[in-house]
C-alpha atoms as a PDB file:
ATOM      1  CA  UNK A   1      77.353  43.721 -37.044  1.00  0.00           C
ATOM      2  CA  UNK A   2      78.974  42.917 -40.391  1.00  0.00           C
ATOM      3  CA  UNK A   3      82.332  44.668 -40.116  1.00  0.00           C
ATOM      4  CA  UNK A   4      84.343  47.321 -38.467  1.00  0.00           C
ATOM      5  CA  UNK A   5      83.132  49.961 -40.347  1.00  0.00           C
ATOM      6  CA  UNK A   6      79.628  49.383 -38.917  1.00  0.00           C
ATOM      7  CA  UNK A   7      80.837  49.093 -35.573  1.00  0.00           C
ATOM      8  CA  UNK A   8      81.144  52.573 -34.314  1.00  0.00           C
ATOM      9  CA  UNK A   9      81.296  51.745 -30.448  1.00  0.00           C
ATOM     10  CA  UNK A  10      81.289  48.957 -28.179  1.00  0.00           C
ATOM     11  CA  UNK A  11      79.048  48.290 -25.066  1.00  0.00           C
ATOM     12  CA  UNK A  12      80.556  47.271 -21.684  1.00  0.00           C
ATOM     13  CA  UNK A  13      77.977  45.008 -20.397  1.00  0.00           C
ATOM     14  CA  UNK A  14      79.438  44.277 -17.322  1.00  0.00           C
ATOM     15  CA  UNK A  15      78.058  47.370 -15.550  1.00  0.00           C
ATOM     16  CA  UNK A  16      74.557  46.053 -15.682  1.00  0.00           C
ATOM     17  CA  UNK A  17      71.833  47.746 -13.815  1.00  0.00           C
ATOM     18  CA  UNK A  18      73.323  48.974 -10.342  1.00  0.00           C
ATOM     19  CA  UNK A  19      70.589  51.445  -9.601  1.00  0.00           C
ATOM     20  CA  UNK A  20      71.374  53.894  -6.675  1.00  0.00           C
ATOM     21  CA  UNK A  21      74.478  52.066  -5.819  1.00  0.00           C
ATOM     22  CA  UNK A  22      76.168  54.106  -8.609  1.00  0.00           C
ATOM     23  CA  UNK A  23      76.443  56.897  -6.514  1.00  0.00           C
ATOM     24  CA  UNK A  24      78.399  54.969  -3.809  1.00  0.00           C
ATOM     25  CA  UNK A  25      80.545  53.409  -6.333  1.00  0.00           C
ATOM     26  CA  UNK A  26      81.231  56.912  -8.254  1.00  0.00           C
ATOM     27  CA  UNK A  27      82.390  58.302  -4.641  1.00  0.00           C
ATOM     28  CA  UNK A  28      84.738  55.303  -3.767  1.00  0.00           C
ATOM     29  CA  UNK A  29      86.290  55.331  -7.308  1.00  0.00           C
ATOM     30  CA  UNK A  30      86.669  58.948  -7.341  1.00  0.00           C
ATOM     31  CA  UNK A  31      88.335  59.265  -3.961  1.00  0.00           C
ATOM     32  CA  UNK A  32      90.480  55.974  -4.863  1.00  0.00           C
ATOM     33  CA  UNK A  33      91.827  57.753  -8.019  1.00  0.00           C
ATOM     34  CA  UNK A  34      92.424  61.015  -6.508  1.00  0.00           C
ATOM     35  CA  UNK A  35      94.329  59.318  -3.765  1.00  0.00           C
ATOM     36  CA  UNK A  36      96.405  57.540  -6.049  1.00  0.00           C
ATOM     37  CA  UNK A  37      97.293  60.639  -8.034  1.00  0.00           C
ATOM     38  CA  UNK A  38      98.049  62.548  -4.877  1.00  0.00           C
ATOM     39  CA  UNK A  39     100.261  60.020  -3.398  1.00  0.00           C
ATOM     40  CA  UNK A  40     102.223  59.447  -6.484  1.00  0.00           C
ATOM     41  CA  UNK A  41     102.462  63.266  -7.082  1.00  0.00           C
ATOM     42  CA  UNK A  42     103.794  64.106  -3.669  1.00  0.00           C
ATOM     43  CA  UNK A  43     106.635  61.715  -4.152  1.00  0.00           C
ATOM     44  CA  UNK A  44     107.387  62.833  -7.527  1.00  0.00           C
ATOM     45  CA  UNK A  45     107.442  66.421  -6.135  1.00  0.00           C
ATOM     46  CA  UNK A  46     109.599  65.512  -3.165  1.00  0.00           C
ATOM     47  CA  UNK A  47     112.057  63.779  -5.255  1.00  0.00           C
ATOM     48  CA  UNK A  48     111.986  66.868  -7.512  1.00  0.00           C
ATOM     49  CA  UNK A  49     112.472  69.554  -4.682  1.00  0.00           C
ATOM     50  CA  UNK A  50     114.897  67.676  -2.397  1.00  0.00           C
ATOM     51  CA  UNK A  51     118.413  67.800  -4.038  1.00  0.00           C
ATOM     52  CA  UNK A  52     119.400  64.963  -1.915  1.00  0.00           C
ATOM     53  CA  UNK A  53     117.327  62.750  -3.907  1.00  0.00           C
ATOM     54  CA  UNK A  54     118.649  63.677  -7.200  1.00  0.00           C
ATOM     55  CA  UNK A  55     120.209  60.260  -7.489  1.00  0.00           C
ATOM     56  CA  UNK A  56     119.564  57.352 -10.021  1.00  0.00           C
ATOM     57  CA  UNK A  57     117.318  55.119  -7.643  1.00  0.00           C
ATOM     58  CA  UNK A  58     114.943  58.197  -6.974  1.00  0.00           C
ATOM     59  CA  UNK A  59     115.048  59.354 -10.494  1.00  0.00           C
ATOM     60  CA  UNK A  60     113.835  56.039 -11.655  1.00  0.00           C
ATOM     61  CA  UNK A  61     111.352  55.890  -8.720  1.00  0.00           C
ATOM     62  CA  UNK A  62     109.922  59.132  -9.913  1.00  0.00           C
ATOM     63  CA  UNK A  63     109.309  57.688 -13.239  1.00  0.00           C
ATOM     64  CA  UNK A  64     107.580  54.608 -11.736  1.00  0.00           C
ATOM     65  CA  UNK A  65     105.241  57.085 -10.111  1.00  0.00           C
ATOM     66  CA  UNK A  66     104.571  58.828 -13.447  1.00  0.00           C
ATOM     67  CA  UNK A  67     103.609  55.357 -14.900  1.00  0.00           C
ATOM     68  CA  UNK A  68     101.213  54.717 -11.929  1.00  0.00           C
ATOM     69  CA  UNK A  69      99.522  57.865 -12.732  1.00  0.00           C
ATOM     70  CA  UNK A  70      99.286  57.141 -16.153  1.00  0.00           C
ATOM     71  CA  UNK A  71      98.003  53.376 -15.508  1.00  0.00           C
ATOM     72  CA  UNK A  72      95.326  54.772 -13.203  1.00  0.00           C
ATOM     73  CA  UNK A  73      94.236  57.372 -15.660  1.00  0.00           C
ATOM     74  CA  UNK A  74      93.791  54.926 -18.342  1.00  0.00           C
ATOM     75  CA  UNK A  75      91.026  52.983 -16.383  1.00  0.00           C
ATOM     76  CA  UNK A  76      89.315  55.316 -13.652  1.00  0.00           C
ATOM     77  CA  UNK A  77      88.166  58.129 -16.082  1.00  0.00           C
ATOM     78  CA  UNK A  78      86.103  55.567 -18.074  1.00  0.00           C
ATOM     79  CA  UNK A  79      84.808  53.806 -15.103  1.00  0.00           C
ATOM     80  CA  UNK A  80      83.657  57.083 -13.495  1.00  0.00           C
ATOM     81  CA  UNK A  81      81.934  58.287 -17.048  1.00  0.00           C
ATOM     82  CA  UNK A  82      80.149  54.907 -17.298  1.00  0.00           C
ATOM     83  CA  UNK A  83      78.860  55.103 -13.601  1.00  0.00           C
ATOM     84  CA  UNK A  84      75.982  57.552 -15.031  1.00  0.00           C
ATOM     85  CA  UNK A  85      75.620  56.080 -18.607  1.00  0.00           C
ATOM     86  CA  UNK A  86      72.400  54.279 -19.540  1.00  0.00           C
ATOM     87  CA  UNK A  87      73.943  52.664 -22.605  1.00  0.00           C
ATOM     88  CA  UNK A  88      77.453  51.931 -21.430  1.00  0.00           C
ATOM     89  CA  UNK A  89      78.855  52.413 -24.943  1.00  0.00           C
ATOM     90  CA  UNK A  90      82.384  53.502 -25.654  1.00  0.00           C
ATOM     91  CA  UNK A  91      83.400  54.635 -29.081  1.00  0.00           C
ATOM     92  CA  UNK A  92      86.255  52.677 -31.056  1.00  0.00           C
ATOM     93  CA  UNK A  93      88.571  55.603 -30.863  1.00  0.00           C
ATOM     94  CA  UNK A  94      88.303  55.821 -26.962  1.00  0.00           C
ATOM     95  CA  UNK A  95      88.440  51.803 -26.599  1.00  0.00           C
ATOM     96  CA  UNK A  96      91.756  51.914 -28.723  1.00  0.00           C
ATOM     97  CA  UNK A  97      93.092  54.797 -26.700  1.00  0.00           C
ATOM     98  CA  UNK A  98      92.533  53.050 -23.492  1.00  0.00           C
ATOM     99  CA  UNK A  99      94.177  50.036 -24.821  1.00  0.00           C
ATOM    100  CA  UNK A 100      97.176  52.067 -25.875  1.00  0.00           C
ATOM    101  CA  UNK A 101      97.719  53.812 -22.584  1.00  0.00           C
ATOM    102  CA  UNK A 102      96.806  50.520 -20.422  1.00  0.00           C
ATOM    103  CA  UNK A 103      98.773  48.109 -22.340  1.00  0.00           C
ATOM    104  CA  UNK A 104     101.730  50.423 -22.618  1.00  0.00           C
ATOM    105  CA  UNK A 105     101.676  50.939 -18.759  1.00  0.00           C
ATOM    106  CA  UNK A 106     102.216  47.299 -18.162  1.00  0.00           C
ATOM    107  CA  UNK A 107     105.607  47.115 -19.782  1.00  0.00           C
ATOM    108  CA  UNK A 108     106.643  50.330 -18.556  1.00  0.00           C
ATOM    109  CA  UNK A 109     106.014  49.114 -14.975  1.00  0.00           C
ATOM    110  CA  UNK A 110     108.043  45.962 -15.433  1.00  0.00           C
ATOM    111  CA  UNK A 111     110.879  47.687 -17.330  1.00  0.00           C
ATOM    112  CA  UNK A 112     111.103  50.265 -14.640  1.00  0.00           C
ATOM    113  CA  UNK A 113     111.573  47.742 -12.100  1.00  0.00           C
ATOM    114  CA  UNK A 114     114.181  46.097 -14.175  1.00  0.00           C
ATOM    115  CA  UNK A 115     115.968  49.196 -14.454  1.00  0.00           C
ATOM    116  CA  UNK A 116     115.717  49.818 -10.679  1.00  0.00           C
ATOM    117  CA  UNK A 117     116.984  46.363 -10.243  1.00  0.00           C
ATOM    118  CA  UNK A 118     120.072  47.059 -12.224  1.00  0.00           C
ATOM    119  CA  UNK A 119     120.596  50.263 -10.486  1.00  0.00           C
ATOM    120  CA  UNK A 120     120.620  48.129  -7.196  1.00  0.00           C
ATOM    121  CA  UNK A 121     122.917  45.678  -8.675  1.00  0.00           C
ATOM    122  CA  UNK A 122     125.444  48.046  -9.653  1.00  0.00           C
ATOM    123  CA  UNK A 123     125.107  49.987  -6.248  1.00  0.00           C
ATOM    124  CA  UNK A 124     125.592  46.766  -4.263  1.00  0.00           C
ATOM    125  CA  UNK A 125     127.939  44.537  -6.551  1.00  0.00           C
ATOM    126  CA  UNK A 126     130.171  47.183  -8.119  1.00  0.00           C
ATOM    127  CA  UNK A 127     129.736  50.208  -5.595  1.00  0.00           C
ATOM    128  CA  UNK A 128     132.903  52.009  -6.706  1.00  0.00           C
ATOM    129  CA  UNK A 129     131.880  52.190 -10.392  1.00  0.00           C
ATOM    130  CA  UNK A 130     128.432  53.051  -9.356  1.00  0.00           C
ATOM    131  CA  UNK A 131     128.966  56.942 -10.170  1.00  0.00           C
ATOM    132  CA  UNK A 132     130.711  56.064 -13.415  1.00  0.00           C
ATOM    133  CA  UNK A 133     127.966  53.847 -14.754  1.00  0.00           C
ATOM    134  CA  UNK A 134     124.730  55.363 -13.478  1.00  0.00           C
ATOM    135  CA  UNK A 135     125.295  58.852 -14.705  1.00  0.00           C
ATOM    136  CA  UNK A 136     122.392  61.420 -15.070  1.00  0.00           C
ATOM    137  CA  UNK A 137     122.279  61.247 -18.498  1.00  0.00           C
ATOM    138  CA  UNK A 138     122.472  57.611 -18.902  1.00  0.00           C
ATOM    139  CA  UNK A 139     119.565  57.324 -16.350  1.00  0.00           C
ATOM    140  CA  UNK A 140     117.287  59.767 -18.557  1.00  0.00           C
ATOM    141  CA  UNK A 141     118.400  57.586 -21.625  1.00  0.00           C
ATOM    142  CA  UNK A 142     117.234  54.461 -19.710  1.00  0.00           C
ATOM    143  CA  UNK A 143     113.991  55.938 -18.889  1.00  0.00           C
ATOM    144  CA  UNK A 144     113.446  57.164 -22.351  1.00  0.00           C
ATOM    145  CA  UNK A 145     114.008  53.631 -23.715  1.00  0.00           C
ATOM    146  CA  UNK A 146     111.561  52.249 -21.094  1.00  0.00           C
ATOM    147  CA  UNK A 147     108.911  54.065 -22.476  1.00  0.00           C
ATOM    148  CA  UNK A 148     109.880  53.845 -26.215  1.00  0.00           C
ATOM    149  CA  UNK A 149     110.383  49.834 -25.723  1.00  0.00           C
ATOM    150  CA  UNK A 150     106.920  49.502 -24.082  1.00  0.00           C
ATOM    151  CA  UNK A 151     105.078  51.547 -26.579  1.00  0.00           C
ATOM    152  CA  UNK A 152     106.686  49.646 -29.584  1.00  0.00           C
ATOM    153  CA  UNK A 153     105.901  46.194 -27.694  1.00  0.00           C
ATOM    154  CA  UNK A 154     102.012  47.106 -27.669  1.00  0.00           C
ATOM    155  CA  UNK A 155     102.305  48.297 -31.279  1.00  0.00           C
ATOM    156  CA  UNK A 156     104.084  45.417 -32.339  1.00  0.00           C
ATOM    157  CA  UNK A 157     101.767  43.039 -30.400  1.00  0.00           C
ATOM    158  CA  UNK A 158      98.382  44.629 -30.877  1.00  0.00           C
ATOM    159  CA  UNK A 159      98.484  46.981 -33.846  1.00  0.00           C
ATOM    160  CA  UNK A 160      96.492  44.222 -35.943  1.00  0.00           C
ATOM    161  CA  UNK A 161      93.467  44.855 -33.752  1.00  0.00           C
ATOM    162  CA  UNK A 162      92.869  48.218 -35.259  1.00  0.00           C
ATOM    163  CA  UNK A 163      91.998  46.502 -38.903  1.00  0.00           C
ATOM    164  CA  UNK A 164      90.012  43.883 -37.541  1.00  0.00           C
ATOM    165  CA  UNK A 165      86.395  43.513 -38.697  1.00  0.00           C
ATOM    166  CA  UNK A 166      84.030  42.883 -35.937  1.00  0.00           C
ATOM    167  CA  UNK A 167      80.614  40.746 -35.980  1.00  0.00           C
ATOM    168  CA  UNK A 168      79.528  42.055 -32.456  1.00  0.00           C
ATOM    169  CA  UNK A 169      80.088  44.953 -29.823  1.00  0.00           C
ATOM    170  CA  UNK A 170      79.004  43.571 -26.647  1.00  0.00           C
ATOM    171  CA  UNK A 171      82.289  43.610 -24.171  1.00  0.00           C
ATOM    172  CA  UNK A 172      81.370  41.587 -20.884  1.00  0.00           C
ATOM    173  CA  UNK A 173      83.828  43.898 -18.903  1.00  0.00           C
ATOM    174  CA  UNK A 174      84.028  47.263 -17.430  1.00  0.00           C
ATOM    175  CA  UNK A 175      86.697  48.358 -19.652  1.00  0.00           C
ATOM    176  CA  UNK A 176      88.313  47.577 -23.219  1.00  0.00           C
ATOM    177  CA  UNK A 177      89.957  44.319 -22.703  1.00  0.00           C
ATOM    178  CA  UNK A 178      91.816  43.173 -25.813  1.00  0.00           C
ATOM    179  CA  UNK A 179      91.053  39.686 -25.664  1.00  0.00           C
ATOM    180  CA  UNK A 180      87.411  40.295 -25.301  1.00  0.00           C
ATOM    181  CA  UNK A 181      87.734  42.711 -28.304  1.00  0.00           C
ATOM    182  CA  UNK A 182      89.566  40.088 -30.371  1.00  0.00           C
ATOM    183  CA  UNK A 183      86.700  37.503 -29.680  1.00  0.00           C
ATOM    184  CA  UNK A 184      84.344  39.928 -31.372  1.00  0.00           C
ATOM    185  CA  UNK A 185      86.001  39.811 -34.655  1.00  0.00           C
ATOM    186  CA  UNK A 186      84.569  37.930 -37.523  1.00  0.00           C
ATOM    187  CA  UNK A 187      87.571  35.734 -37.891  1.00  0.00           C
ATOM    188  CA  UNK A 188      89.864  35.014 -35.064  1.00  0.00           C
ATOM    189  CA  UNK A 189      93.080  33.785 -36.425  1.00  0.00           C
ATOM    190  CA  UNK A 190      96.238  32.338 -34.775  1.00  0.00           C
ATOM    191  CA  UNK A 191      97.505  35.868 -34.904  1.00  0.00           C
ATOM    192  CA  UNK A 192      95.694  36.810 -31.645  1.00  0.00           C
ATOM    193  CA  UNK A 193      97.301  33.970 -30.329  1.00  0.00           C
ATOM    194  CA  UNK A 194     100.813  35.005 -31.387  1.00  0.00           C
ATOM    195  CA  UNK A 195     100.178  38.568 -30.255  1.00  0.00           C
ATOM    196  CA  UNK A 196      99.523  37.450 -26.551  1.00  0.00           C
ATOM    197  CA  UNK A 197     102.524  35.287 -26.421  1.00  0.00           C
ATOM    198  CA  UNK A 198     104.941  38.145 -27.883  1.00  0.00           C
ATOM    199  CA  UNK A 199     103.417  40.749 -25.654  1.00  0.00           C
ATOM    200  CA  UNK A 200     103.915  38.250 -22.615  1.00  0.00           C
ATOM    201  CA  UNK A 201     107.427  37.584 -23.649  1.00  0.00           C
ATOM    202  CA  UNK A 202     108.391  41.147 -24.447  1.00  0.00           C
ATOM    203  CA  UNK A 203     106.512  42.685 -21.777  1.00  0.00           C
ATOM    204  CA  UNK A 204     106.755  40.657 -18.749  1.00  0.00           C
ATOM    205  CA  UNK A 205     108.999  37.662 -19.267  1.00  0.00           C
ATOM    206  CA  UNK A 206     112.086  39.459 -20.431  1.00  0.00           C
ATOM    207  CA  UNK A 207     112.156  42.122 -17.834  1.00  0.00           C
ATOM    208  CA  UNK A 208     111.199  39.714 -15.062  1.00  0.00           C
ATOM    209  CA  UNK A 209     113.880  37.665 -16.030  1.00  0.00           C
ATOM    210  CA  UNK A 210     116.152  40.633 -15.834  1.00  0.00           C
ATOM    211  CA  UNK A 211     114.986  41.494 -12.369  1.00  0.00           C
ATOM    212  CA  UNK A 212     115.331  37.869 -11.197  1.00  0.00           C
ATOM    213  CA  UNK A 213     119.120  37.590 -12.395  1.00  0.00           C
ATOM    214  CA  UNK A 214     120.005  40.857 -11.098  1.00  0.00           C
ATOM    215  CA  UNK A 215     118.833  39.749  -7.373  1.00  0.00           C
ATOM    216  CA  UNK A 216     120.431  36.379  -7.537  1.00  0.00           C
ATOM    217  CA  UNK A 217     123.551  38.249  -8.197  1.00  0.00           C
ATOM    218  CA  UNK A 218     122.865  40.752  -5.307  1.00  0.00           C
ATOM    219  CA  UNK A 219     122.029  37.792  -3.002  1.00  0.00           C
ATOM    220  CA  UNK A 220     125.197  36.104  -3.842  1.00  0.00           C
ATOM    221  CA  UNK A 221     127.156  39.247  -3.045  1.00  0.00           C
ATOM    222  CA  UNK A 222     125.128  39.948   0.131  1.00  0.00           C
ATOM    223  CA  UNK A 223     126.043  36.296   1.568  1.00  0.00           C
ATOM    224  CA  UNK A 224     129.776  37.229   1.508  1.00  0.00           C
ATOM    225  CA  UNK A 225     129.461  40.848   2.762  1.00  0.00           C
ATOM    226  CA  UNK A 226     129.189  42.154   6.486  1.00  0.00           C
ATOM    227  CA  UNK A 227     126.044  42.358   8.508  1.00  0.00           C
ATOM    228  CA  UNK A 228     125.784  46.126   7.979  1.00  0.00           C
ATOM    229  CA  UNK A 229     126.056  45.912   4.409  1.00  0.00           C
ATOM    230  CA  UNK A 230     123.309  43.063   4.314  1.00  0.00           C
ATOM    231  CA  UNK A 231     120.993  45.237   6.488  1.00  0.00           C
ATOM    232  CA  UNK A 232     121.530  48.315   4.117  1.00  0.00           C
ATOM    233  CA  UNK A 233     120.905  45.781   0.894  1.00  0.00           C
ATOM    234  CA  UNK A 234     117.720  44.601   2.658  1.00  0.00           C
ATOM    235  CA  UNK A 235     116.351  48.082   3.350  1.00  0.00           C
ATOM    236  CA  UNK A 236     116.733  49.286  -0.016  1.00  0.00           C
ATOM    237  CA  UNK A 237     115.704  46.067  -1.935  1.00  0.00           C
ATOM    238  CA  UNK A 238     112.534  45.434   0.036  1.00  0.00           C
ATOM    239  CA  UNK A 239     110.060  47.773  -1.417  1.00  0.00           C
ATOM    240  CA  UNK A 240     111.415  46.684  -4.725  1.00  0.00           C
ATOM    241  CA  UNK A 241     110.773  42.734  -4.228  1.00  0.00           C
ATOM    242  CA  UNK A 242     107.372  43.464  -2.681  1.00  0.00           C
ATOM    243  CA  UNK A 243     106.221  45.582  -5.848  1.00  0.00           C
ATOM    244  CA  UNK A 244     107.681  42.729  -8.175  1.00  0.00           C
ATOM    245  CA  UNK A 245     105.751  39.953  -6.096  1.00  0.00           C
ATOM    246  CA  UNK A 246     102.726  42.050  -6.180  1.00  0.00           C
ATOM    247  CA  UNK A 247     102.833  42.540  -9.892  1.00  0.00           C
ATOM    248  CA  UNK A 248     103.553  38.840 -10.243  1.00  0.00           C
ATOM    249  CA  UNK A 249     100.394  38.150  -8.461  1.00  0.00           C
ATOM    250  CA  UNK A 250      98.254  40.634 -10.392  1.00  0.00           C
ATOM    251  CA  UNK A 251      99.512  39.077 -13.700  1.00  0.00           C
ATOM    252  CA  UNK A 252      98.264  35.568 -12.485  1.00  0.00           C
ATOM    253  CA  UNK A 253      94.983  37.073 -11.764  1.00  0.00           C
ATOM    254  CA  UNK A 254      94.894  38.752 -15.065  1.00  0.00           C
ATOM    255  CA  UNK A 255      95.667  35.795 -17.218  1.00  0.00           C
ATOM    256  CA  UNK A 256      93.235  33.263 -15.364  1.00  0.00           C
ATOM    257  CA  UNK A 257      90.001  32.872 -17.391  1.00  0.00           C
ATOM    258  CA  UNK A 258      87.510  32.880 -14.957  1.00  0.00           C
ATOM    259  CA  UNK A 259      84.637  31.970 -17.513  1.00  0.00           C
ATOM    260  CA  UNK A 260      85.686  28.250 -16.585  1.00  0.00           C
ATOM    261  CA  UNK A 261      84.994  29.055 -13.024  1.00  0.00           C
ATOM    262  CA  UNK A 262      81.682  30.973 -13.227  1.00  0.00           C
ATOM    263  CA  UNK A 263      79.665  28.772 -10.869  1.00  0.00           C
ATOM    264  CA  UNK A 264      82.510  28.824  -8.132  1.00  0.00           C
ATOM    265  CA  UNK A 265      83.447  32.591  -8.744  1.00  0.00           C
ATOM    266  CA  UNK A 266      81.086  35.590  -7.964  1.00  0.00           C
ATOM    267  CA  UNK A 267      80.669  37.944 -10.962  1.00  0.00           C
ATOM    268  CA  UNK A 268      82.111  40.805  -8.800  1.00  0.00           C
ATOM    269  CA  UNK A 269      85.287  38.923  -8.308  1.00  0.00           C
ATOM    270  CA  UNK A 270      85.487  38.005 -11.972  1.00  0.00           C
ATOM    271  CA  UNK A 271      85.365  41.621 -12.921  1.00  0.00           C
ATOM    272  CA  UNK A 272      87.810  42.956 -10.182  1.00  0.00           C
ATOM    273  CA  UNK A 273      90.619  40.434 -10.143  1.00  0.00           C
ATOM    274  CA  UNK A 274      91.874  41.167 -13.622  1.00  0.00           C
ATOM    275  CA  UNK A 275      92.033  44.653 -12.624  1.00  0.00           C
ATOM    276  CA  UNK A 276      94.058  43.915  -9.569  1.00  0.00           C
ATOM    277  CA  UNK A 277      97.330  45.599 -10.623  1.00  0.00           C
ATOM    278  CA  UNK A 278      95.580  48.730 -11.852  1.00  0.00           C
ATOM    279  CA  UNK A 279      93.492  49.028  -8.544  1.00  0.00           C
ATOM    280  CA  UNK A 280      96.424  48.140  -5.833  1.00  0.00           C
ATOM    281  CA  UNK A 281      99.796  48.687  -7.731  1.00  0.00           C
ATOM    282  CA  UNK A 282      99.443  52.430  -8.344  1.00  0.00           C
ATOM    283  CA  UNK A 283      98.869  52.993  -4.283  1.00  0.00           C
ATOM    284  CA  UNK A 284     101.335  50.507  -3.231  1.00  0.00           C
ATOM    285  CA  UNK A 285     104.287  52.151  -4.923  1.00  0.00           C
ATOM    286  CA  UNK A 286     104.317  55.634  -3.212  1.00  0.00           C
ATOM    287  CA  UNK A 287     103.530  54.186   0.219  1.00  0.00           C
ATOM    288  CA  UNK A 288     105.914  51.168   0.185  1.00  0.00           C
ATOM    289  CA  UNK A 289     108.754  53.383  -1.161  1.00  0.00           C
ATOM    290  CA  UNK A 290     107.796  56.466   0.971  1.00  0.00           C
ATOM    291  CA  UNK A 291     107.672  54.528   4.383  1.00  0.00           C
ATOM    292  CA  UNK A 292     110.531  52.014   3.878  1.00  0.00           C
ATOM    293  CA  UNK A 293     113.376  54.405   2.282  1.00  0.00           C
ATOM    294  CA  UNK A 294     114.830  56.436   4.911  1.00  0.00           C
ATOM    295  CA  UNK A 295     115.911  59.146   2.625  1.00  0.00           C
ATOM    296  CA  UNK A 296     112.507  59.563   1.342  1.00  0.00           C
ATOM    297  CA  UNK A 297     110.806  59.186   4.684  1.00  0.00           C
ATOM    298  CA  UNK A 298     113.122  62.077   6.073  1.00  0.00           C
ATOM    299  CA  UNK A 299     112.518  64.187   2.906  1.00  0.00           C
ATOM    300  CA  UNK A 300     108.546  63.848   3.481  1.00  0.00           C
ATOM    301  CA  UNK A 301     108.921  65.066   6.922  1.00  0.00           C
ATOM    302  CA  UNK A 302     110.962  68.175   6.047  1.00  0.00           C
ATOM    303  CA  UNK A 303     108.731  68.756   2.881  1.00  0.00           C
ATOM    304  CA  UNK A 304     105.588  68.441   4.907  1.00  0.00           C
ATOM    305  CA  UNK A 305     106.656  70.188   8.297  1.00  0.00           C
ATOM    306  CA  UNK A 306     109.179  72.601   7.256  1.00  0.00           C
ATOM    307  CA  UNK A 307     107.332  75.408   8.247  1.00  0.00           C
ATOM    308  CA  UNK A 308     107.178  74.149  11.839  1.00  0.00           C
END
């Protein structure tokens, strides 16, 4: 392939020839994807219809659930469509669209968790000023800024990919991984390294630092407060801490280059681990918050069993 104008599509080579197993994989992926959509949608609806949950923390949680559906939709429809494809080709437009949705959902996830950490910090460390600081209008503005910031960080970091000239079209993955696409370009410049660093700083390091600072301040206050307040803080913060920890593990799996461990790591593991966050995080969020936050658990019961 000489240049980008001749590369009309990419081939996702990681699918290989799976034979009759494609029907099993298709059903498993479809059920998992639908389960993610249903679980997150139910939580969004419960927060929307129950006026008791019209509080900043639950509004931010609802936004997080929207992003879980967005992240899943950026991956699973392509996986499902490729199961019955013989060529496993994906057009440039679809590939770039998937990259836009996928690499926007990552910053949205971290920034949403940063906003939720800030909400918990104000609630625990400045309870008397909570209603003044966390007004509904301000929460909506925070959500808008989260999505705008995430989209701009993607554009700032990866817009150069759209103008690359490609000398190949074989992607050894099941989705459009930007690192593998860049390696197909005719000339890999230092710009690709800078883009990865800038994306990591803007999308992960800065939000994670904000989350860390917020929880260090919460911890300092909790050490001086009563046992009852400590228990309340633990109850509301535990799902959030687990989500952040799971994201951190997923990022480690994504950035590890398994090409250097080919002999030790099975091919299935090399394919699945980089997608760890997209597989498990969207399902973790609704269940972790749904079962651990008392108000949401009670709302679930009223919402599902109100006719009884």
